[in-house]
Amino acid sequence: MRITLDELRRKQSAVIDLLEILSLEGQHYMARLAMDDRLFLLSDNNGTTSLFQSAWQIQDTLASFNVRETQIVHPSAYHEMVGMEPAEIEPLRIRVQRQKT
């Protein structure tokens, strides 16, 4: 599911339970938001996924919202890089921020 910044602003008391900053090839990042037991990709008004130049840029963009936890998610292509068959490997998750409960 997709959500724009305008839609997010219109949500009353929006709480982002988990902000996942997904690391992509080519030094791009995208934001996946977990809210109300649903996942949303931050997108523009045309339905295109918003791409950012850094994790900081995403955090700055969403700074006015209540974000409970932020993680940078980096998928691994290690097996393919060393000539092994592709395998399902859980992505590296780095917790950047978490509110105390």
C-alpha atoms as a PDB file:
ATOM      1  CA  MET A   1       0.000   0.000   0.000  1.00  0.00           C
ATOM      2  CA  ARG A   2       1.213   3.537  -0.709  1.00  0.00           C
ATOM      3  CA  ILE A   3       0.913   6.761   1.271  1.00  0.00           C
ATOM      4  CA  THR A   4       1.935  10.328   0.475  1.00  0.00           C
ATOM      5  CA  LEU A   5       3.242  12.924   2.912  1.00  0.00           C
ATOM      6  CA  ASP A   6      -0.013  14.860   2.503  1.00  0.00           C
ATOM      7  CA  GLU A   7      -2.079  11.783   3.392  1.00  0.00           C
ATOM      8  CA  LEU A   8       0.165  11.136   6.369  1.00  0.00           C
ATOM      9  CA  ARG A   9      -0.269  14.727   7.571  1.00  0.00           C
ATOM     10  CA  ARG A  10      -4.053  14.400   7.319  1.00  0.00           C
ATOM     11  CA  LYS A  11      -4.131  11.343   9.592  1.00  0.00           C
ATOM     12  CA  GLN A  12      -5.182  12.405  13.059  1.00  0.00           C
ATOM     13  CA  SER A  13      -2.435  11.665  15.606  1.00  0.00           C
ATOM     14  CA  ALA A  14      -0.522   9.463  13.172  1.00  0.00           C
ATOM     15  CA  VAL A  15       1.928   7.149  14.922  1.00  0.00           C
ATOM     16  CA  ILE A  16       4.551   5.344  12.866  1.00  0.00           C
ATOM     17  CA  ASP A  17       5.282   2.158  14.798  1.00  0.00           C
ATOM     18  CA  LEU A  18       8.289   1.283  12.643  1.00  0.00           C
ATOM     19  CA  LEU A  19      10.072   3.321  10.001  1.00  0.00           C
ATOM     20  CA  GLU A  20      12.150   1.038   7.807  1.00  0.00           C
ATOM     21  CA  ILE A  21      14.740   2.859   5.727  1.00  0.00           C
ATOM     22  CA  LEU A  22      15.368   0.435   2.880  1.00  0.00           C
ATOM     23  CA  SER A  23      18.825   0.651   1.344  1.00  0.00           C
ATOM     24  CA  LEU A  24      18.775   0.228  -2.438  1.00  0.00           C
ATOM     25  CA  GLU A  25      21.496  -0.019  -5.060  1.00  0.00           C
ATOM     26  CA  GLY A  26      22.868   3.244  -6.384  1.00  0.00           C
ATOM     27  CA  GLN A  27      22.889   5.028  -3.024  1.00  0.00           C
ATOM     28  CA  HIS A  28      19.117   5.433  -2.857  1.00  0.00           C
ATOM     29  CA  TYR A  29      16.812   4.850   0.064  1.00  0.00           C
ATOM     30  CA  MET A  30      13.065   4.434   0.396  1.00  0.00           C
ATOM     31  CA  ALA A  31      10.771   4.577   3.410  1.00  0.00           C
ATOM     32  CA  ARG A  32       8.431   1.796   4.483  1.00  0.00           C
ATOM     33  CA  LEU A  33       6.091   2.718   7.321  1.00  0.00           C
ATOM     34  CA  ALA A  34       4.362   0.290   9.676  1.00  0.00           C
ATOM     35  CA  MET A  35       1.184   1.889  11.037  1.00  0.00           C
ATOM     36  CA  ASP A  36      -2.027   0.385  12.369  1.00  0.00           C
ATOM     37  CA  ASP A  37      -0.776  -3.149  11.558  1.00  0.00           C
ATOM     38  CA  ARG A  38      -0.331  -2.219   7.875  1.00  0.00           C
ATOM     39  CA  LEU A  39       2.716  -1.437   5.719  1.00  0.00           C
ATOM     40  CA  PHE A  40       2.934   1.654   3.516  1.00  0.00           C
ATOM     41  CA  LEU A  41       5.548   2.842   1.024  1.00  0.00           C
ATOM     42  CA  LEU A  42       6.111   6.572   1.110  1.00  0.00           C
ATOM     43  CA  SER A  43       5.207   7.776  -2.384  1.00  0.00           C
ATOM     44  CA  ASP A  44       4.638  10.975  -4.330  1.00  0.00           C
ATOM     45  CA  ASN A  45       1.255  12.219  -5.519  1.00  0.00           C
ATOM     46  CA  ASN A  46       1.618  10.195  -8.761  1.00  0.00           C
ATOM     47  CA  GLY A  47       1.988   6.871  -6.927  1.00  0.00           C
ATOM     48  CA  THR A  48       5.745   6.629  -7.527  1.00  0.00           C
ATOM     49  CA  THR A  49       7.890   5.466  -4.616  1.00  0.00           C
ATOM     50  CA  SER A  50       9.787   8.385  -3.094  1.00  0.00           C
ATOM     51  CA  LEU A  51      13.555   7.902  -3.296  1.00  0.00           C
ATOM     52  CA  PHE A  52      15.979   9.693  -0.998  1.00  0.00           C
ATOM     53  CA  GLN A  53      19.727  10.329  -1.152  1.00  0.00           C
ATOM     54  CA  SER A  54      20.367   9.384   2.492  1.00  0.00           C
ATOM     55  CA  ALA A  55      18.828   7.883   5.595  1.00  0.00           C
ATOM     56  CA  TRP A  56      19.140  11.324   7.214  1.00  0.00           C
ATOM     57  CA  GLN A  57      16.998  12.864   4.477  1.00  0.00           C
ATOM     58  CA  ILE A  58      14.189  10.406   5.246  1.00  0.00           C
ATOM     59  CA  GLN A  59      14.454  11.065   8.964  1.00  0.00           C
ATOM     60  CA  ASP A  60      14.398  14.825   8.380  1.00  0.00           C
ATOM     61  CA  THR A  61      11.346  14.484   6.107  1.00  0.00           C
ATOM     62  CA  LEU A  62       9.449  12.538   8.781  1.00  0.00           C
ATOM     63  CA  ALA A  63      10.791  14.450  11.808  1.00  0.00           C
ATOM     64  CA  SER A  64       7.437  16.078  12.593  1.00  0.00           C
ATOM     65  CA  PHE A  65       5.724  12.685  13.015  1.00  0.00           C
ATOM     66  CA  ASN A  66       5.698  10.390  16.028  1.00  0.00           C
ATOM     67  CA  VAL A  67       8.091   7.577  15.013  1.00  0.00           C
ATOM     68  CA  ARG A  68       8.434   4.864  17.661  1.00  0.00           C
ATOM     69  CA  GLU A  69      11.330   2.982  16.052  1.00  0.00           C
ATOM     70  CA  THR A  70      13.610   3.452  13.051  1.00  0.00           C
ATOM     71  CA  GLN A  71      15.661   0.725  11.378  1.00  0.00           C
ATOM     72  CA  ILE A  72      17.941   0.775   8.362  1.00  0.00           C
ATOM     73  CA  VAL A  73      17.345  -2.391   6.342  1.00  0.00           C
ATOM     74  CA  HIS A  74      20.137  -3.540   4.040  1.00  0.00           C
ATOM     75  CA  PRO A  75      19.643  -6.697   1.941  1.00  0.00           C
ATOM     76  CA  SER A  76      22.664  -8.900   1.371  1.00  0.00           C
ATOM     77  CA  ALA A  77      23.833 -10.243  -1.975  1.00  0.00           C
ATOM     78  CA  TYR A  78      26.884 -11.910  -0.431  1.00  0.00           C
ATOM     79  CA  HIS A  79      26.210 -15.389  -1.810  1.00  0.00           C
ATOM     80  CA  GLU A  80      25.930 -14.112  -5.362  1.00  0.00           C
ATOM     81  CA  MET A  81      29.009 -11.888  -4.975  1.00  0.00           C
ATOM     82  CA  VAL A  82      31.214 -14.862  -4.080  1.00  0.00           C
ATOM     83  CA  GLY A  83      29.826 -17.145  -6.798  1.00  0.00           C
ATOM     84  CA  MET A  84      27.384 -19.162  -4.695  1.00  0.00           C
ATOM     85  CA  GLU A  85      23.763 -19.859  -5.544  1.00  0.00           C
ATOM     86  CA  PRO A  86      21.377 -17.103  -4.441  1.00  0.00           C
ATOM     87  CA  ALA A  87      19.902 -17.852  -1.033  1.00  0.00           C
ATOM     88  CA  GLU A  88      17.241 -16.406   1.202  1.00  0.00           C
ATOM     89  CA  ILE A  89      19.208 -14.391   3.729  1.00  0.00           C
ATOM     90  CA  GLU A  90      17.504 -12.103   6.187  1.00  0.00           C
ATOM     91  CA  PRO A  91      18.513  -8.488   5.548  1.00  0.00           C
ATOM     92  CA  LEU A  92      20.806  -6.684   7.952  1.00  0.00           C
ATOM     93  CA  ARG A  93      18.727  -4.509  10.295  1.00  0.00           C
ATOM     94  CA  ILE A  94      20.343  -1.655  12.177  1.00  0.00           C
ATOM     95  CA  ARG A  95      18.252   0.045  14.843  1.00  0.00           C
ATOM     96  CA  VAL A  96      18.804   3.790  14.587  1.00  0.00           C
ATOM     97  CA  GLN A  97      16.220   5.000  17.074  1.00  0.00           C
ATOM     98  CA  ARG A  98      13.664   3.576  19.471  1.00  0.00           C
ATOM     99  CA  GLN A  99      11.364   5.284  21.938  1.00  0.00           C
ATOM    100  CA  LYS A 100      11.376   4.041  25.491  1.00  0.00           C
ATOM    101  CA  THR A 101       8.138   2.373  26.489  1.00  0.00           C
END
